[in-house]
Amino acid sequence: MEREITGKGADEVSGRRRGEPLLFSLLIIILILLFIADISTGTSVLGFREIAEIIRGRGNPDLIPLLISFRLPRALTAIIAGVALSLSGLQMQTLFRNPLAGPYVLGISSGASLGVALLILGVSGIGAAGHLPVAGNWAIAVAAWLGSGLVLLLVMSVSFRVRDIMTVLILGIMLASAISAVVSILQYFSSESMLKAFVVWTMGSLGNLSWIQLQILLAGSGAGMLLAILSAKRLDALLTGEEFARSMGVNITASRALIMVSTTLMAGSVTAFCGPIAFIGIAVPHIARLILGSTLHRYLIPGSAVIGAIVMLAGDIISQVPGSDTLLPINSVTSLIGIPVIVWIIIRKNRLISVG
């Protein structure tokens, strides 16, 4: 199977293989620089020398809590969220063979939001994610996983019956709207304190996580990332179409289940602790394909992961509005980054159809 798929994509990656180590090295350097810039940015700017001194244990003691408890978790959260959402979108686009598929558009993030809403707004005595005990943190993660998993299962069941993938996409959008309506009803009947906590959560944030929450986010997203890596060959096979993939010995049902679990864990974990973050899952895989010039997932998975982390770090830096005390919702920033990419995808697709 690998030989046939590799041969199919050989023309796309020829001439780039020698440059791929250099390209990935450049992306890693950009990632490191943005990571340093992110932990440096905020209401008070930390210079590189100050950060280095704090790491050595010789810095200003007053700055250590700022770096360790706030800046570092925020930057690590941005990296994990960027990787998880990008790989979720990549898998959804391959599975549904639609360039506009993604966890946000298909309603997967909305399903996770519903799970969290039921927990925060529907269960009395439980507050916002940033003030819950360890058991409450796990409860939020499990609620998000269940919500996103149920929505993805529903979308997948519809895709078995409806062959038109655009129809499936529209149904996913309608499902997301229906979930939003249910969440609105929950908001209407919730208390003022719970409502405020949930509204703030829906705006998206990378800076409210404790180290315990970060560990849970890493555990859930990391398991999904591992499954995504293991499914690389299956994703390559699905690109050729299910019938051809089945003829090569690929178990389609097992492949779908593997991708579903992976996407549920990643998208659900990020939504649980960071809120619904839009358009990263749609935009980043296309950016990766454009930069790498390949459709093979052994390149796209690491490429999308690194580029997703870069985009989220850049978005987090922008959201902090360097030089001011203003903090923008990360969801608004990612939307402004992702929407132009989506518009470009639609225009490019229409041009290809016209030329064809």
Protein backbone atom coordinates (compact mmCIF):
# COMPACT_ATOMS: atom_id res chain seq x y z
CA MET A 1 0.00 0.00 0.00
CA GLU A 2 2.77 2.39 0.95
CA ARG A 3 4.57 1.79 -2.32
CA GLU A 4 1.48 2.57 -4.42
CA ILE A 5 0.62 5.69 -2.47
CA THR A 6 4.21 6.86 -2.52
CA GLY A 7 4.31 6.41 -6.25
CA LYS A 8 1.10 8.37 -6.67
CA GLY A 9 2.50 11.32 -4.76
CA ALA A 10 6.02 11.08 -6.11
CA ASP A 11 5.57 13.86 -8.66
CA GLU A 12 4.29 16.23 -5.99
CA VAL A 13 7.23 15.76 -3.64
CA SER A 14 10.01 15.42 -6.24
CA GLY A 15 12.44 18.27 -6.04
CA ARG A 16 11.33 19.11 -2.49
CA ARG A 17 12.71 16.16 -0.53
CA ARG A 18 16.18 17.62 -0.36
CA GLY A 19 14.82 20.93 0.84
CA GLU A 20 12.41 19.46 3.41
CA PRO A 21 14.94 19.21 6.29
CA LEU A 22 15.88 22.85 5.71
CA LEU A 23 12.22 23.86 5.49
CA PHE A 24 11.28 22.07 8.70
CA SER A 25 14.36 23.49 10.42
CA LEU A 26 13.25 26.98 9.40
CA LEU A 27 9.75 26.34 10.73
CA ILE A 28 11.16 25.08 14.03
CA ILE A 29 13.33 28.20 14.34
CA ILE A 30 10.28 30.42 13.72
CA LEU A 31 8.38 28.41 16.33
CA ILE A 32 11.12 28.89 18.93
CA LEU A 33 11.38 32.62 18.21
CA LEU A 34 7.60 33.08 18.52
CA PHE A 35 7.59 31.03 21.73
CA ILE A 36 10.19 33.36 23.24
CA ALA A 37 8.28 36.39 21.94
CA ASP A 38 5.05 35.07 23.46
CA ILE A 39 6.46 34.59 26.95
CA SER A 40 8.06 38.02 26.63
CA THR A 41 4.82 39.80 25.68
CA GLY A 42 2.27 41.10 28.12
CA THR A 43 1.49 44.03 30.37
CA SER A 44 5.18 44.01 31.31
CA VAL A 45 7.75 43.05 28.69
CA LEU A 46 10.40 40.50 29.66
CA GLY A 47 13.64 40.68 27.71
CA PHE A 48 15.50 37.62 26.53
CA ARG A 49 18.25 38.26 29.07
CA GLU A 50 15.72 38.48 31.90
CA ILE A 51 14.11 35.21 30.82
CA ALA A 52 17.51 33.50 30.62
CA GLU A 53 18.42 34.77 34.10
CA ILE A 54 15.13 33.51 35.56
CA ILE A 55 15.68 30.07 34.00
CA ARG A 56 19.18 30.00 35.56
CA GLY A 57 17.70 30.95 38.93
CA ARG A 58 19.48 34.28 39.07
CA GLY A 59 16.72 36.59 37.91
CA ASN A 60 14.46 38.98 39.77
CA PRO A 61 12.44 36.84 42.25
CA ASP A 62 9.38 39.02 41.64
CA LEU A 63 9.33 38.01 37.97
CA ILE A 64 9.52 34.25 38.57
CA PRO A 65 5.77 33.78 39.35
CA LEU A 66 4.90 35.87 36.29
CA LEU A 67 6.95 33.64 34.01
CA ILE A 68 6.28 30.26 35.62
CA SER A 69 2.61 30.63 36.55
CA PHE A 70 1.30 32.78 33.68
CA ARG A 71 3.55 33.31 30.66
CA LEU A 72 4.94 29.78 30.27
CA PRO A 73 1.59 27.92 30.64
CA ARG A 74 0.00 30.36 28.19
CA ALA A 75 2.65 29.79 25.51
CA LEU A 76 2.56 26.00 25.99
CA THR A 77 -1.24 26.07 25.76
CA ALA A 78 -0.99 27.97 22.46
CA ILE A 79 1.36 25.32 21.06
CA ILE A 80 -0.81 22.39 22.16
CA ALA A 81 -4.01 24.04 20.90
CA GLY A 82 -2.45 24.95 17.55
CA VAL A 83 -1.17 21.43 16.98
CA ALA A 84 -4.39 19.72 18.09
CA LEU A 85 -6.79 21.89 16.08
CA SER A 86 -4.62 21.74 12.95
CA LEU A 87 -4.36 17.95 13.02
CA SER A 88 -8.11 17.68 13.71
CA GLY A 89 -8.84 19.79 10.64
CA LEU A 90 -6.37 17.84 8.51
CA GLN A 91 -8.02 14.55 9.41
CA MET A 92 -11.52 15.89 8.81
CA GLN A 93 -10.58 17.29 5.39
CA THR A 94 -9.10 13.96 4.39
CA LEU A 95 -11.91 11.86 5.81
CA PHE A 96 -14.67 13.92 4.18
CA ARG A 97 -12.51 14.89 1.18
CA ASN A 98 -13.69 18.46 1.53
CA PRO A 99 -11.38 21.49 1.82
CA LEU A 100 -13.81 23.31 4.13
CA ALA A 101 -14.20 20.49 6.65
CA GLY A 102 -12.95 21.12 10.16
CA PRO A 103 -13.89 20.66 13.81
CA TYR A 104 -15.50 24.11 14.01
CA VAL A 105 -17.49 23.96 10.76
CA LEU A 106 -18.68 20.38 11.24
CA GLY A 107 -20.04 21.20 14.68
CA ILE A 108 -17.49 19.13 16.63
CA SER A 109 -16.35 22.15 18.62
CA SER A 110 -20.01 23.07 19.16
CA GLY A 111 -20.64 19.59 20.55
CA ALA A 112 -17.77 20.06 22.98
CA SER A 113 -19.22 23.46 23.89
CA LEU A 114 -22.58 21.82 24.61
CA GLY A 115 -20.93 19.30 26.92
CA VAL A 116 -19.18 22.09 28.82
CA ALA A 117 -22.38 24.19 28.87
CA LEU A 118 -24.34 21.33 30.39
CA LEU A 119 -21.68 21.01 33.05
CA ILE A 120 -21.16 24.70 33.84
CA LEU A 121 -24.71 25.97 33.32
CA GLY A 122 -26.73 22.85 33.99
CA VAL A 123 -25.04 21.53 37.13
CA SER A 124 -25.32 23.69 40.21
CA GLY A 125 -22.34 24.22 42.44
CA ILE A 126 -19.74 23.97 39.70
CA GLY A 127 -18.08 27.20 38.60
CA ALA A 128 -15.89 28.28 35.71
CA ALA A 129 -13.09 26.09 34.42
CA GLY A 130 -10.40 28.23 36.00
CA HIS A 131 -11.81 27.70 39.54
CA LEU A 132 -12.59 23.99 39.53
CA PRO A 133 -10.74 21.34 41.53
CA VAL A 134 -8.87 18.54 39.80
CA ALA A 135 -11.97 16.32 39.58
CA GLY A 136 -13.88 19.25 38.08
CA ASN A 137 -11.15 19.77 35.48
CA TRP A 138 -11.41 16.15 34.40
CA ALA A 139 -15.21 16.47 34.38
CA ILE A 140 -14.97 19.39 31.94
CA ALA A 141 -12.60 17.43 29.70
CA VAL A 142 -14.83 14.34 29.71
CA ALA A 143 -17.94 16.45 29.04
CA ALA A 144 -16.21 18.06 26.05
CA TRP A 145 -15.02 14.69 24.74
CA LEU A 146 -18.51 13.22 24.99
CA GLY A 147 -20.10 16.23 23.30
CA SER A 148 -17.64 16.37 20.42
CA GLY A 149 -17.66 12.58 20.03
CA LEU A 150 -21.45 12.39 19.81
CA VAL A 151 -21.58 15.15 17.20
CA LEU A 152 -18.82 13.55 15.14
CA LEU A 153 -20.60 10.19 15.37
CA LEU A 154 -23.82 11.80 14.17
CA VAL A 155 -22.06 13.54 11.25
CA MET A 156 -20.34 10.28 10.31
CA SER A 157 -23.63 8.35 10.39
CA VAL A 158 -25.17 10.96 8.08
CA SER A 159 -22.20 10.70 5.72
CA PHE A 160 -22.90 6.96 5.33
CA ARG A 161 -26.40 7.70 4.05
CA VAL A 162 -25.74 10.93 2.13
CA ARG A 163 -23.02 10.64 -0.49
CA ASP A 164 -22.93 14.34 -1.36
CA ILE A 165 -20.15 15.62 0.89
CA MET A 166 -21.30 19.24 0.54
CA THR A 167 -24.67 18.21 1.93
CA VAL A 168 -22.91 16.62 4.90
CA LEU A 169 -21.00 19.86 5.42
CA ILE A 170 -24.23 21.90 5.37
CA LEU A 171 -25.83 19.47 7.82
CA GLY A 172 -22.82 19.91 10.10
CA ILE A 173 -23.30 23.67 10.04
CA MET A 174 -27.02 23.27 10.76
CA LEU A 175 -26.21 20.91 13.62
CA ALA A 176 -23.83 23.49 15.07
CA SER A 177 -26.62 26.08 14.86
CA ALA A 178 -29.04 23.72 16.63
CA ILE A 179 -26.49 23.14 19.39
CA SER A 180 -26.01 26.90 19.73
CA ALA A 181 -29.77 27.23 20.19
CA VAL A 182 -29.73 24.64 23.00
CA VAL A 183 -26.81 26.44 24.64
CA SER A 184 -28.72 29.73 24.39
CA ILE A 185 -31.65 28.15 26.24
CA LEU A 186 -29.28 26.94 28.96
CA GLN A 187 -27.84 30.44 29.21
CA TYR A 188 -31.31 31.94 29.54
CA PHE A 189 -32.14 29.79 32.59
CA SER A 190 -28.71 29.96 34.24
CA SER A 191 -27.66 32.17 37.13
CA GLU A 192 -25.86 35.44 36.51
CA SER A 193 -22.51 34.21 37.81
CA MET A 194 -22.59 31.01 35.75
CA LEU A 195 -23.71 32.92 32.67
CA LYS A 196 -20.83 35.36 32.96
CA ALA A 197 -18.33 32.54 33.40
CA PHE A 198 -19.66 30.70 30.35
CA VAL A 199 -19.77 33.81 28.11
CA VAL A 200 -16.14 34.58 28.96
CA TRP A 201 -15.25 30.95 28.20
CA THR A 202 -16.91 31.11 24.76
CA MET A 203 -14.65 34.00 23.76
CA GLY A 204 -11.66 31.70 23.98
CA SER A 205 -8.58 32.16 26.11
CA LEU A 206 -5.14 30.61 26.34
CA GLY A 207 -4.07 32.32 29.55
CA ASN A 208 -6.33 30.91 32.27
CA LEU A 209 -4.91 27.42 32.59
CA SER A 210 -3.14 26.14 35.68
CA TRP A 211 -0.38 23.56 35.42
CA ILE A 212 -2.87 20.84 36.43
CA GLN A 213 -5.26 21.84 33.64
CA LEU A 214 -2.34 22.04 31.21
CA GLN A 215 -1.39 18.46 32.08
CA ILE A 216 -4.94 17.27 31.39
CA LEU A 217 -4.98 19.21 28.10
CA LEU A 218 -1.65 17.65 27.12
CA ALA A 219 -2.82 14.15 28.08
CA GLY A 220 -6.03 14.33 26.05
CA SER A 221 -4.57 16.14 23.06
CA GLY A 222 -1.37 14.07 23.14
CA ALA A 223 -3.34 10.82 22.90
CA GLY A 224 -5.22 12.23 19.90
CA MET A 225 -1.97 13.39 18.27
CA LEU A 226 -0.46 9.91 18.68
CA LEU A 227 -3.49 8.35 17.00
CA ALA A 228 -3.20 10.91 14.17
CA ILE A 229 0.44 9.93 13.61
CA LEU A 230 -0.47 6.24 13.60
CA SER A 231 -3.24 6.88 11.04
CA ALA A 232 -0.94 8.59 8.48
CA LYS A 233 -0.97 5.68 6.01
CA ARG A 234 -4.71 5.21 6.42
CA LEU A 235 -5.26 8.90 5.64
CA ASP A 236 -3.10 8.59 2.50
CA ALA A 237 -5.23 5.64 1.41
CA LEU A 238 -8.48 7.51 2.03
CA LEU A 239 -7.30 10.27 -0.30
CA THR A 240 -7.59 7.83 -3.18
CA GLY A 241 -11.23 7.10 -2.35
CA GLU A 242 -12.79 4.51 -0.07
CA GLU A 243 -13.30 1.89 -2.77
CA PHE A 244 -9.67 2.00 -3.89
CA ALA A 245 -8.49 2.08 -0.27
CA ARG A 246 -10.61 -0.97 0.51
CA SER A 247 -9.12 -2.77 -2.47
CA MET A 248 -5.66 -2.16 -0.97
CA GLY A 249 -6.68 -3.90 2.23
CA VAL A 250 -7.55 -0.86 4.33
CA ASN A 251 -10.23 -1.45 6.95
CA ILE A 252 -12.45 1.58 6.34
CA THR A 253 -14.53 1.14 9.50
CA ALA A 254 -11.45 0.88 11.71
CA SER A 255 -9.85 3.84 9.97
CA ARG A 256 -12.93 6.01 10.50
CA ALA A 257 -13.12 4.98 14.15
CA LEU A 258 -9.43 5.78 14.67
CA ILE A 259 -9.80 9.22 13.09
CA MET A 260 -13.01 9.89 15.05
CA VAL A 261 -11.39 9.09 18.40
CA SER A 262 -8.30 11.13 17.52
CA THR A 263 -10.32 14.18 16.46
CA THR A 264 -12.64 13.91 19.46
CA LEU A 265 -9.75 13.85 21.93
CA MET A 266 -7.90 16.77 20.32
CA ALA A 267 -10.80 19.09 19.50
CA GLY A 268 -12.64 18.25 22.71
CA SER A 269 -9.62 18.84 24.94
CA VAL A 270 -8.81 22.22 23.39
CA THR A 271 -12.43 23.38 23.49
CA ALA A 272 -12.81 22.28 27.12
CA PHE A 273 -9.99 24.44 28.45
CA CYS A 274 -9.53 27.15 25.81
CA GLY A 275 -13.07 27.64 24.56
CA PRO A 276 -14.22 27.25 20.94
CA ILE A 277 -11.39 28.46 18.70
CA ALA A 278 -12.45 28.95 15.09
CA PHE A 279 -10.83 28.52 11.67
CA ILE A 280 -7.41 27.18 12.74
CA GLY A 281 -8.49 23.63 11.87
CA ILE A 282 -9.59 24.71 8.38
CA ALA A 283 -6.85 27.15 7.46
CA VAL A 284 -3.63 25.55 8.71
CA PRO A 285 -3.79 22.27 6.71
CA HIS A 286 -4.12 24.33 3.50
CA ILE A 287 -1.18 26.49 4.50
CA ALA A 288 0.82 23.31 5.14
CA ARG A 289 -0.08 21.86 1.73
CA LEU A 290 0.92 25.11 0.07
CA ILE A 291 4.27 25.33 1.87
CA LEU A 292 5.19 21.64 1.67
CA GLY A 293 3.79 21.04 -1.82
CA SER A 294 2.63 17.55 -0.87
CA THR A 295 -0.56 15.68 -0.03
CA LEU A 296 1.23 12.83 1.77
CA HIS A 297 0.38 12.77 5.45
CA ARG A 298 3.84 11.75 6.61
CA TYR A 299 4.75 15.33 5.61
CA LEU A 300 1.43 17.04 6.29
CA ILE A 301 1.04 15.77 9.87
CA PRO A 302 4.33 17.21 11.21
CA GLY A 303 4.02 20.21 8.90
CA SER A 304 0.49 21.05 10.03
CA ALA A 305 1.50 20.52 13.66
CA VAL A 306 4.41 22.98 13.51
CA ILE A 307 2.56 25.56 11.40
CA GLY A 308 -0.49 25.30 13.67
CA ALA A 309 1.68 25.99 16.71
CA ILE A 310 3.27 28.96 14.89
CA VAL A 311 -0.12 30.43 13.93
CA MET A 312 -1.51 30.06 17.46
CA LEU A 313 1.58 31.64 19.03
CA ALA A 314 1.34 34.53 16.56
CA GLY A 315 -2.38 34.86 17.31
CA ASP A 316 -1.70 34.88 21.05
CA ILE A 317 0.91 37.62 20.66
CA ILE A 318 -1.54 39.70 18.59
CA SER A 319 -4.34 39.11 21.11
CA GLN A 320 -2.22 40.63 23.87
CA VAL A 321 -1.83 43.85 21.82
CA PRO A 322 1.86 44.43 22.62
CA GLY A 323 2.47 47.81 24.21
CA SER A 324 -0.95 48.07 25.87
CA ASP A 325 -3.00 46.49 28.67
CA THR A 326 -5.70 45.30 26.25
CA LEU A 327 -6.36 41.58 25.83
CA LEU A 328 -8.43 40.47 22.82
CA PRO A 329 -10.39 37.18 22.72
CA ILE A 330 -8.24 34.62 20.93
CA ASN A 331 -11.28 33.38 18.99
CA SER A 332 -11.63 36.79 17.33
CA VAL A 333 -7.96 36.87 16.36
CA THR A 334 -7.97 33.35 14.87
CA SER A 335 -11.11 34.21 12.91
CA LEU A 336 -9.38 37.23 11.38
CA ILE A 337 -6.41 35.00 10.49
CA GLY A 338 -8.44 32.08 9.14
CA ILE A 339 -11.22 33.79 7.19
CA PRO A 340 -8.91 35.21 4.45
CA VAL A 341 -7.48 31.71 3.97
CA ILE A 342 -10.98 30.25 3.59
CA VAL A 343 -11.93 32.95 1.06
CA TRP A 344 -8.76 32.14 -0.87
CA ILE A 345 -9.65 28.42 -0.84
CA ILE A 346 -13.13 29.10 -2.26
CA ILE A 347 -11.83 31.46 -4.97
CA ARG A 348 -9.03 29.06 -5.91
CA LYS A 349 -11.44 26.12 -6.11
CA ASN A 350 -13.80 28.07 -8.37
CA ARG A 351 -10.92 29.05 -10.64
CA LEU A 352 -9.81 25.43 -10.96
CA ILE A 353 -13.36 24.40 -11.83
CA SER A 354 -13.57 27.18 -14.44
CA VAL A 355 -10.24 26.16 -15.99
CA GLY A 356 -11.28 22.50 -15.95
